[in-house]
Amino acid sequence: QAQLVESGGGLVQPGGSLRLSCTASAWNLDYYSIGWFRQTPGTEREGISCISSNDHSTYYAASVKARFTISRDNAKNTVYLQMTSLNPEDTAVYYCATVKVALHGSRCPQRSVGTPDDYDVWGQGTQVTVSS
């Protein structure tokens, strides 16, 4: 069964940085646009970034723009989320997911991050905690 695996989460102090990774062991991510979401208990999953497969265009939610950077290394079959200037409000479980090709082809949803309904295959999530 196709699945994604996130890694790189952990505990970091306010102002610190982390880099999350998203990879798939048994299939090729080259043809999929990939998004990152985050979720805290009792809230809906928030879309924070997306990178397209065709031209590597990137999109960000306002809450993370200028602090987070999404990138991909097709040779390593991995998508990254570099997070800087972290604050306690960034504490959440972070998920990566593939954009539904049938809906959006090789692009991010409406050239934006989209909603969870625009995505199909998800990882299990990685916890990021920002605390002193």
Protein backbone atom coordinates (compact mmCIF):
# COMPACT_ATOMS: atom_id res chain seq x y z
CA GLN A 1 0.00 0.00 0.00
CA ALA A 2 1.37 3.39 -0.99
CA GLN A 3 2.26 5.57 1.93
CA LEU A 4 4.45 8.49 2.85
CA VAL A 5 6.81 8.71 5.79
CA GLU A 6 7.61 11.95 7.59
CA SER A 7 10.66 12.45 9.80
CA GLY A 8 12.63 15.23 11.43
CA GLY A 9 10.21 16.39 14.08
CA GLY A 10 11.21 17.00 17.67
CA LEU A 11 11.51 19.54 20.45
CA VAL A 12 13.01 22.91 19.61
CA GLN A 13 13.30 26.21 21.46
CA PRO A 14 11.49 29.33 20.25
CA GLY A 15 13.47 30.95 17.46
CA GLY A 16 14.98 27.64 16.45
CA SER A 17 14.83 25.65 13.24
CA LEU A 18 13.92 22.16 12.09
CA ARG A 19 13.89 20.40 8.75
CA LEU A 20 11.17 17.86 8.07
CA SER A 21 11.48 15.19 5.42
CA CYS A 22 8.80 13.32 3.48
CA THR A 23 9.68 10.24 1.51
CA ALA A 24 8.19 7.10 0.02
CA SER A 25 10.06 3.82 0.02
CA ALA A 26 8.16 1.87 -2.60
CA TRP A 27 7.08 4.43 -5.20
CA ASN A 28 8.34 7.46 -7.08
CA LEU A 29 7.26 10.89 -5.88
CA ASP A 30 8.57 12.70 -8.97
CA TYR A 31 5.15 12.88 -10.61
CA TYR A 32 3.25 14.09 -7.56
CA SER A 33 2.78 17.52 -6.15
CA ILE A 34 3.31 17.33 -2.40
CA GLY A 35 1.78 19.34 0.39
CA TRP A 36 2.53 19.82 4.07
CA PHE A 37 -0.21 20.16 6.65
CA ARG A 38 -0.25 20.49 10.41
CA GLN A 39 -2.81 19.77 13.06
CA THR A 40 -3.26 20.36 16.78
CA PRO A 41 -5.79 18.53 18.97
CA GLY A 42 -9.35 19.68 18.38
CA THR A 43 -8.55 21.69 15.26
CA GLU A 44 -8.83 21.05 11.55
CA ARG A 45 -5.79 20.11 9.54
CA GLU A 46 -4.15 23.30 8.24
CA GLY A 47 -2.45 23.40 4.87
CA ILE A 48 0.86 25.22 5.09
CA SER A 49 2.79 24.55 1.89
CA CYS A 50 2.73 22.82 -1.47
CA ILE A 51 5.31 22.16 -4.16
CA SER A 52 4.28 21.17 -7.66
CA SER A 53 5.76 18.27 -9.56
CA ASN A 54 5.89 19.89 -13.00
CA ASP A 55 7.90 23.06 -12.36
CA HIS A 56 8.51 22.96 -8.59
CA SER A 57 6.35 26.03 -7.99
CA THR A 58 5.87 26.64 -4.28
CA TYR A 59 2.95 27.99 -2.26
CA TYR A 60 2.63 28.91 1.40
CA ALA A 61 0.00 29.77 3.94
CA ALA A 62 0.28 33.29 5.29
CA SER A 63 1.07 31.94 8.75
CA VAL A 64 4.38 30.43 7.60
CA LYS A 65 5.39 32.48 4.59
CA ALA A 66 8.95 33.86 4.86
CA ARG A 67 9.72 31.39 7.68
CA PHE A 68 9.21 28.00 6.04
CA THR A 69 10.67 26.74 2.77
CA ILE A 70 9.47 23.70 0.87
CA SER A 71 11.78 21.94 -1.56
CA ARG A 72 12.22 18.59 -3.24
CA ASP A 73 15.13 16.37 -4.23
CA ASN A 74 13.88 13.92 -6.81
CA ALA A 75 17.17 12.02 -6.76
CA LYS A 76 16.48 11.23 -3.09
CA ASN A 77 12.72 10.86 -3.61
CA THR A 78 12.23 13.32 -0.77
CA VAL A 79 10.36 16.54 -0.10
CA TYR A 80 11.61 18.83 2.64
CA LEU A 81 10.09 21.50 4.82
CA GLN A 82 12.70 23.80 6.30
CA MET A 83 11.22 25.66 9.26
CA THR A 84 12.90 28.67 10.82
CA SER A 85 12.00 31.25 13.47
CA LEU A 86 9.76 28.70 15.12
CA ASN A 87 7.36 29.84 17.81
CA PRO A 88 5.07 27.93 20.19
CA GLU A 89 2.12 28.42 17.79
CA ASP A 90 3.95 26.16 15.33
CA THR A 91 3.60 23.22 17.73
CA ALA A 92 1.60 20.54 15.93
CA VAL A 93 1.74 17.18 14.20
CA TYR A 94 3.03 17.76 10.68
CA TYR A 95 1.87 15.64 7.75
CA CYS A 96 2.84 15.39 4.13
CA ALA A 97 0.47 14.22 1.41
CA THR A 98 0.19 13.81 -2.33
CA VAL A 99 -2.07 16.04 -4.40
CA LYS A 100 -4.86 14.15 -6.16
CA VAL A 101 -3.60 13.78 -9.70
CA ALA A 102 -7.09 13.17 -11.07
CA LEU A 103 -8.16 16.60 -9.80
CA HIS A 104 -5.06 18.73 -10.23
CA GLY A 105 -2.64 16.92 -12.50
CA SER A 106 0.95 17.96 -11.86
CA ARG A 107 0.07 21.21 -10.08
CA CYS A 108 -0.76 22.29 -6.58
CA PRO A 109 -4.50 22.85 -6.00
CA GLN A 110 -5.62 26.05 -7.75
CA ARG A 111 -1.98 27.11 -7.57
CA SER A 112 -2.24 27.26 -3.79
CA VAL A 113 -1.92 24.90 -0.83
CA GLY A 114 -5.54 23.76 -1.06
CA THR A 115 -7.47 21.76 1.52
CA PRO A 116 -7.15 18.18 2.80
CA ASP A 117 -9.79 17.13 0.25
CA ASP A 118 -7.31 17.96 -2.52
CA TYR A 119 -4.92 15.28 -1.24
CA ASP A 120 -5.10 11.52 -1.09
CA VAL A 121 -2.07 9.62 0.25
CA TRP A 122 -0.92 10.78 3.69
CA GLY A 123 1.91 10.03 6.04
CA GLN A 124 1.53 9.17 9.70
CA GLY A 125 2.77 12.56 10.88
CA THR A 126 5.71 13.81 12.89
CA GLN A 127 5.41 15.84 16.10
CA VAL A 128 6.97 19.29 16.28
CA THR A 129 7.05 20.94 19.70
CA VAL A 130 8.32 24.47 20.16
CA SER A 131 8.93 25.20 23.82
CA SER A 132 11.54 26.63 26.13
